[in-house]
Amino acid sequence: MAPCSCTSLALVLTGILSAWAQDGCPPGFSSNTDGCFYVSNTEATWAGALGYCNIEHGHLAYIETVEQQTLLANYLQQHYNESSIHVTTANDYHYHYLHDLGMDVTGHTSFTFNVKACHDAHIALSQDKGVDSRNTYEIVIGGWSDQQSVIRDCKQCAHMDTQNRIPHPLSCSQYRPFWVSWANNIIRVGHGNIVGKSQFMMWNDTAPHEVNYVAVATGFGSSGEWDITVGNYWPGQFWLGLSDLAVEGEWTWLPQQGSLNYANWGPNEPDNALNREHCALIDIHRNFTWSDDNCEERRNFICQVDL
């Protein structure tokens, strides 16, 4: 995937704080008592988001009091809209493209879903619609009688990563949640609906291709039911100006280098998973609590310009 361009981001990001006053704020920003704010519905790495905010003579947002936390959480909650796509897949190993059902992954690098299938849930991440023999990443969850999951570099091609230590990831009677990410040329798969958490497969593609279409299928003796939620904030995780990049465990508001006097970390956060999570975000799907994440992941973000 192409690296983040702050200039191009400036052309496509959408500020949606229109309910607040506009006095003294840059175009696309709106104000409250703490300054001007811009909430993105597209994605960037932490550094890319910081760069965009710097262009606007601002910084990634600070949340230094419970009042600021409440204000921002209430606003995001009031303006978050989502829709659900339901797909029934037969026992025919035929891919159904979610684009045909209203899911456009342009500008995004991940999605979450719930699937109910006895085994063999297949996901295709393709450059071209209808072409899965090349320029397609194929993910199989619960294949081989629900005993093994794999990432392939095309449909029925070589296994680039295999996970057989977690048997029975699927269920015939219950929906199971998963996420898939393709940011930074790395294909990753995890349990749950929180992108980046509980990962169980990963492959770094050294010859990557674009992902313009996502499709799902079942087969090899299994049918499936899929629920995919698409929101106007996608993935609904927003970078803040908080990091411990300088010293592990010492969280600081950057660039002002302010100390952390208020925090709203979620359960078991920050956890610095795999020793790679050094940037903080606020998460719609975790009751607006904070978590640490890999700074190279692509997330939504919030800019702040002090008045």
Protein backbone atom coordinates (compact mmCIF):
# COMPACT_ATOMS: atom_id res chain seq x y z
CA MET A 1 0.00 0.00 0.00
CA ALA A 2 1.18 3.56 -0.67
CA PRO A 3 2.58 5.47 2.32
CA CYS A 4 0.43 8.15 3.95
CA SER A 5 0.52 11.53 2.20
CA CYS A 6 -0.54 14.32 4.53
CA THR A 7 -1.29 16.54 1.53
CA SER A 8 -3.66 14.00 0.01
CA LEU A 9 -5.23 13.36 3.39
CA ALA A 10 -6.04 17.05 3.61
CA LEU A 11 -8.10 16.70 0.45
CA VAL A 12 -10.17 13.71 1.55
CA LEU A 13 -10.62 13.98 5.32
CA THR A 14 -14.04 15.16 6.47
CA GLY A 15 -14.50 17.34 9.55
CA ILE A 16 -17.82 16.62 11.22
CA LEU A 17 -17.94 18.88 14.26
CA SER A 18 -20.45 21.24 12.62
CA ALA A 19 -22.64 21.41 15.74
CA TRP A 20 -20.02 23.56 17.48
CA ALA A 21 -19.27 27.22 16.83
CA GLN A 22 -16.84 28.12 14.04
CA ASP A 23 -15.26 31.27 15.56
CA GLY A 24 -11.55 31.51 14.88
CA CYS A 25 -11.10 27.94 13.59
CA PRO A 26 -9.39 26.83 10.37
CA PRO A 27 -11.64 25.66 7.52
CA GLY A 28 -13.12 22.27 8.37
CA PHE A 29 -12.50 22.69 12.10
CA SER A 30 -15.02 23.64 14.75
CA SER A 31 -14.57 24.98 18.25
CA ASN A 32 -15.39 24.32 21.85
CA THR A 33 -13.97 25.88 24.99
CA ASP A 34 -10.64 24.05 24.56
CA GLY A 35 -9.92 25.10 20.99
CA CYS A 36 -10.66 23.94 17.46
CA PHE A 37 -11.13 20.26 16.61
CA TYR A 38 -11.21 18.08 13.52
CA VAL A 39 -12.45 14.47 13.61
CA SER A 40 -11.38 12.28 10.68
CA ASN A 41 -13.38 9.49 9.10
CA THR A 42 -10.39 8.25 7.11
CA GLU A 43 -7.19 6.66 8.38
CA ALA A 44 -3.52 7.46 8.87
CA THR A 45 -0.58 6.23 10.90
CA TRP A 46 0.09 8.13 14.12
CA ALA A 47 2.94 10.05 12.46
CA GLY A 48 0.84 10.72 9.36
CA ALA A 49 -2.01 12.04 11.51
CA LEU A 50 0.41 14.21 13.49
CA GLY A 51 1.78 15.56 10.21
CA TYR A 52 -1.68 16.51 8.98
CA CYS A 53 -2.44 18.29 12.25
CA ASN A 54 0.89 20.14 12.02
CA ILE A 55 -0.01 21.39 8.55
CA GLU A 56 -3.04 23.02 10.17
CA HIS A 57 -0.80 24.51 12.91
CA GLY A 58 -2.21 22.11 15.45
CA HIS A 59 -1.53 18.78 17.11
CA LEU A 60 -3.28 15.51 17.84
CA ALA A 61 -5.95 16.03 20.48
CA TYR A 62 -5.21 16.12 24.20
CA ILE A 63 -7.68 14.81 26.79
CA GLU A 64 -6.43 16.15 30.09
CA THR A 65 -9.60 16.27 32.20
CA VAL A 66 -12.70 14.18 32.75
CA GLU A 67 -14.72 17.07 31.31
CA GLN A 68 -12.79 16.92 28.03
CA GLN A 69 -13.22 13.15 27.93
CA THR A 70 -16.97 13.43 28.47
CA LEU A 71 -17.38 16.16 25.85
CA LEU A 72 -15.55 14.24 23.17
CA ALA A 73 -17.16 10.88 24.00
CA ASN A 74 -20.64 12.41 23.91
CA TYR A 75 -19.99 14.07 20.58
CA LEU A 76 -18.65 10.91 18.96
CA GLN A 77 -21.54 8.88 20.32
CA GLN A 78 -24.13 11.32 18.99
CA HIS A 79 -22.61 11.43 15.52
CA TYR A 80 -21.68 7.79 15.04
CA ASN A 81 -23.86 6.01 12.50
CA GLU A 82 -23.54 2.43 11.39
CA SER A 83 -25.23 -0.01 9.07
CA SER A 84 -25.13 -3.78 8.92
CA ILE A 85 -24.57 -5.96 5.89
CA HIS A 86 -25.84 -9.53 6.10
CA VAL A 87 -24.59 -12.18 3.69
CA THR A 88 -25.64 -15.81 3.38
CA THR A 89 -23.02 -17.98 1.71
CA ALA A 90 -23.79 -21.43 0.35
CA ASN A 91 -21.67 -24.56 0.33
CA ASP A 92 -20.23 -23.65 -3.07
CA TYR A 93 -16.94 -21.79 -2.45
CA HIS A 94 -18.30 -18.84 -4.45
CA TYR A 95 -17.12 -15.40 -3.37
CA HIS A 96 -19.69 -12.67 -2.65
CA TYR A 97 -18.22 -9.18 -3.08
CA LEU A 98 -19.24 -6.83 -0.29
CA HIS A 99 -18.86 -3.87 -2.65
CA ASP A 100 -22.06 -5.03 -4.36
CA LEU A 101 -23.81 -4.70 -0.99
CA GLY A 102 -22.58 -1.20 -0.25
CA MET A 103 -19.22 -1.77 1.45
CA ASP A 104 -16.51 0.37 -0.16
CA VAL A 105 -13.06 -0.23 1.34
CA THR A 106 -11.44 2.68 -0.51
CA GLY A 107 -9.21 4.53 1.92
CA HIS A 108 -9.55 1.82 4.57
CA THR A 109 -7.22 -0.96 5.67
CA SER A 110 -9.34 -3.19 7.91
CA PHE A 111 -12.82 -4.48 8.61
CA THR A 112 -14.61 -6.50 11.27
CA PHE A 113 -17.27 -9.16 10.93
CA ASN A 114 -19.22 -11.88 12.72
CA VAL A 115 -19.61 -15.25 11.06
CA LYS A 116 -21.57 -18.38 11.87
CA ALA A 117 -20.27 -21.44 10.02
CA CYS A 118 -19.27 -24.95 10.98
CA HIS A 119 -15.92 -24.57 9.21
CA ASP A 120 -14.21 -23.06 6.16
CA ALA A 121 -14.96 -19.33 6.36
CA HIS A 122 -13.07 -17.74 3.45
CA ILE A 123 -12.21 -14.07 2.94
CA ALA A 124 -10.69 -12.63 -0.24
CA LEU A 125 -8.87 -9.27 -0.33
CA SER A 126 -8.56 -8.45 -4.02
CA GLN A 127 -7.12 -5.77 -6.22
CA ASP A 128 -9.61 -6.48 -9.01
CA LYS A 129 -13.21 -7.61 -8.67
CA GLY A 130 -13.82 -11.16 -9.80
CA VAL A 131 -10.11 -11.97 -10.14
CA ASP A 132 -8.89 -14.21 -7.33
CA SER A 133 -6.16 -16.21 -9.08
CA ARG A 134 -3.73 -13.29 -8.69
CA ASN A 135 -3.44 -10.08 -6.69
CA THR A 136 -5.67 -11.58 -4.01
CA TYR A 137 -4.99 -12.46 -0.40
CA GLU A 138 -7.11 -15.42 0.68
CA ILE A 139 -7.80 -16.02 4.37
CA VAL A 140 -9.26 -19.31 5.54
CA ILE A 141 -10.62 -19.47 9.09
CA GLY A 142 -11.44 -22.90 10.48
CA GLY A 143 -10.54 -24.94 7.43
CA TRP A 144 -9.74 -28.62 7.43
CA SER A 145 -12.72 -29.54 9.65
CA ASP A 146 -12.29 -26.38 11.76
CA GLN A 147 -8.76 -27.39 12.74
CA GLN A 148 -6.55 -24.94 10.83
CA SER A 149 -6.53 -21.36 9.57
CA VAL A 150 -4.25 -19.95 6.87
CA ILE A 151 -3.31 -16.87 4.86
CA ARG A 152 -2.64 -17.49 1.16
CA ASP A 153 -1.22 -15.23 -1.55
CA CYS A 154 -4.09 -16.10 -3.93
CA LYS A 155 -7.07 -18.46 -4.11
CA GLN A 156 -5.90 -22.01 -3.33
CA CYS A 157 -2.25 -20.89 -3.45
CA ALA A 158 0.64 -21.42 -1.06
CA HIS A 159 0.12 -20.98 2.67
CA MET A 160 1.99 -17.87 3.82
CA ASP A 161 0.98 -18.27 7.48
CA THR A 162 -0.74 -21.18 9.22
CA GLN A 163 -2.44 -21.35 12.60
CA ASN A 164 -3.31 -24.79 13.93
CA ARG A 165 -2.85 -24.13 17.64
CA ILE A 166 -6.37 -22.75 18.00
CA PRO A 167 -8.75 -25.52 16.85
CA HIS A 168 -12.45 -24.83 16.41
CA PRO A 169 -12.41 -21.05 15.93
CA LEU A 170 -15.87 -21.27 14.30
CA SER A 171 -19.28 -22.45 15.48
CA CYS A 172 -22.25 -24.00 13.70
CA SER A 173 -24.70 -22.34 16.11
CA GLN A 174 -23.10 -19.08 17.28
CA TYR A 175 -21.65 -16.04 15.55
CA ARG A 176 -17.93 -15.58 16.17
CA PRO A 177 -16.26 -12.14 15.79
CA PHE A 178 -13.08 -11.52 13.81
CA TRP A 179 -11.12 -8.67 12.25
CA VAL A 180 -8.85 -8.52 9.20
CA SER A 181 -6.26 -5.83 8.44
CA TRP A 182 -4.05 -5.20 5.42
CA ALA A 183 -2.28 -2.01 6.55
CA ASN A 184 1.39 -1.45 5.71
CA ASN A 185 1.55 -4.53 3.44
CA ILE A 186 0.92 -6.81 6.43
CA ILE A 187 -2.06 -9.16 6.35
CA ARG A 188 -3.30 -9.78 9.89
CA VAL A 189 -6.24 -11.68 11.37
CA GLY A 190 -7.55 -11.63 14.92
CA HIS A 191 -10.35 -12.68 17.23
CA GLY A 192 -12.94 -10.13 18.34
CA ASN A 193 -14.08 -6.83 16.83
CA ILE A 194 -11.21 -4.65 18.08
CA VAL A 195 -8.78 -4.25 15.20
CA GLY A 196 -5.23 -5.01 16.32
CA LYS A 197 -6.13 -7.05 19.41
CA SER A 198 -6.01 -10.85 19.86
CA GLN A 199 -4.14 -11.43 16.60
CA PHE A 200 -3.58 -15.05 15.58
CA MET A 201 -2.23 -14.83 12.02
CA MET A 202 0.10 -12.44 10.19
CA TRP A 203 2.01 -12.28 6.92
CA ASN A 204 4.21 -9.45 5.64
CA ASP A 205 3.94 -9.32 1.85
CA THR A 206 7.19 -8.13 0.28
CA ALA A 207 5.48 -7.76 -3.13
CA PRO A 208 2.15 -6.21 -2.10
CA HIS A 209 -0.86 -5.27 -4.18
CA GLU A 210 -3.77 -2.95 -3.51
CA VAL A 211 -6.91 -4.14 -1.75
CA ASN A 212 -9.93 -2.61 -3.46
CA TYR A 213 -12.50 -5.35 -2.84
CA VAL A 214 -13.42 -7.69 -0.01
CA ALA A 215 -15.39 -10.88 -0.60
CA VAL A 216 -16.56 -13.79 1.58
CA ALA A 217 -17.39 -17.43 0.89
CA THR A 218 -17.94 -20.83 2.45
CA GLY A 219 -17.61 -24.30 1.02
CA PHE A 220 -16.14 -27.76 1.45
CA GLY A 221 -19.25 -28.95 3.27
CA SER A 222 -20.11 -25.72 5.10
CA SER A 223 -22.49 -22.82 4.54
CA GLY A 224 -22.34 -19.55 6.46
CA GLU A 225 -24.07 -16.45 7.79
CA TRP A 226 -22.08 -13.21 7.93
CA ASP A 227 -22.78 -9.87 9.62
CA ILE A 228 -20.52 -6.97 8.70
CA THR A 229 -20.94 -3.60 10.43
CA VAL A 230 -19.91 -0.46 8.54
CA GLY A 231 -19.80 2.89 10.35
CA ASN A 232 -19.18 6.47 9.29
CA TYR A 233 -16.11 6.27 11.54
CA TRP A 234 -14.17 3.27 10.35
CA PRO A 235 -12.52 1.55 12.24
CA GLY A 236 -13.76 3.92 14.98
CA GLN A 237 -10.42 4.20 16.76
CA PHE A 238 -8.93 7.71 16.96
CA TRP A 239 -5.31 8.63 17.52
CA LEU A 240 -4.65 11.03 20.39
CA GLY A 241 -1.49 13.06 20.99
CA LEU A 242 -0.36 10.64 23.70
CA SER A 243 2.73 8.45 23.38
CA ASP A 244 5.44 6.64 25.32
CA LEU A 245 7.81 6.46 22.34
CA ALA A 246 10.54 8.28 24.27
CA VAL A 247 10.47 6.15 27.42
CA GLU A 248 8.43 2.94 27.71
CA GLY A 249 5.65 3.39 30.26
CA GLU A 250 6.05 7.18 30.56
CA TRP A 251 3.06 8.50 28.66
CA THR A 252 3.40 12.09 27.48
CA TRP A 253 1.21 14.50 25.54
CA LEU A 254 3.14 15.51 22.42
CA PRO A 255 4.46 17.84 21.21
CA GLN A 256 3.97 19.91 24.39
CA GLN A 257 5.60 17.10 26.44
CA GLY A 258 2.90 17.45 29.07
CA SER A 259 2.66 14.83 31.79
CA LEU A 260 -0.29 12.43 32.04
CA ASN A 261 -2.44 13.66 34.93
CA TYR A 262 -5.76 12.18 33.74
CA ALA A 263 -6.28 8.85 31.95
CA ASN A 264 -9.20 6.72 30.82
CA TRP A 265 -7.46 3.46 29.90
CA GLY A 266 -9.62 0.45 29.12
CA PRO A 267 -9.34 -2.86 30.97
CA ASN A 268 -5.79 -4.29 30.83
CA GLU A 269 -4.56 -1.22 28.97
CA PRO A 270 -1.97 -0.12 28.11
CA ASP A 271 -0.56 -3.58 27.43
CA ASN A 272 2.23 -2.87 24.89
CA ALA A 273 1.35 -6.05 22.99
CA LEU A 274 4.37 -7.59 21.28
CA ASN A 275 6.40 -4.62 22.60
CA ARG A 276 5.13 -2.56 19.67
CA GLU A 277 2.34 -0.37 21.06
CA HIS A 278 3.50 3.13 21.91
CA CYS A 279 0.71 5.45 20.73
CA ALA A 280 -2.67 5.97 22.38
CA LEU A 281 -6.15 6.10 20.89
CA ILE A 282 -9.76 6.47 22.02
CA ASP A 283 -12.05 3.67 20.86
CA ILE A 284 -15.76 4.00 20.08
CA HIS A 285 -16.23 0.25 20.38
CA ARG A 286 -14.73 0.03 23.88
CA ASN A 287 -16.98 2.60 25.52
CA PHE A 288 -14.65 5.46 24.56
CA THR A 289 -11.81 4.15 26.71
CA TRP A 290 -8.18 4.45 25.67
CA SER A 291 -5.77 1.78 24.54
CA ASP A 292 -2.23 1.68 23.22
CA ASP A 293 -1.60 0.56 19.66
CA ASN A 294 1.16 0.14 17.13
CA CYS A 295 1.96 3.64 15.86
CA GLU A 296 2.30 2.28 12.31
CA GLU A 297 -1.31 1.11 12.20
CA ARG A 298 -3.78 3.24 10.26
CA ARG A 299 -6.54 4.70 12.44
CA ASN A 300 -8.94 7.63 12.50
CA PHE A 301 -7.66 10.67 14.40
CA ILE A 302 -8.62 13.94 16.07
CA CYS A 303 -6.72 17.19 15.47
CA GLN A 304 -6.72 20.12 17.89
CA VAL A 305 -5.76 23.76 17.26
CA ASP A 306 -5.36 25.83 20.41
CA LEU A 307 -6.94 29.27 20.32
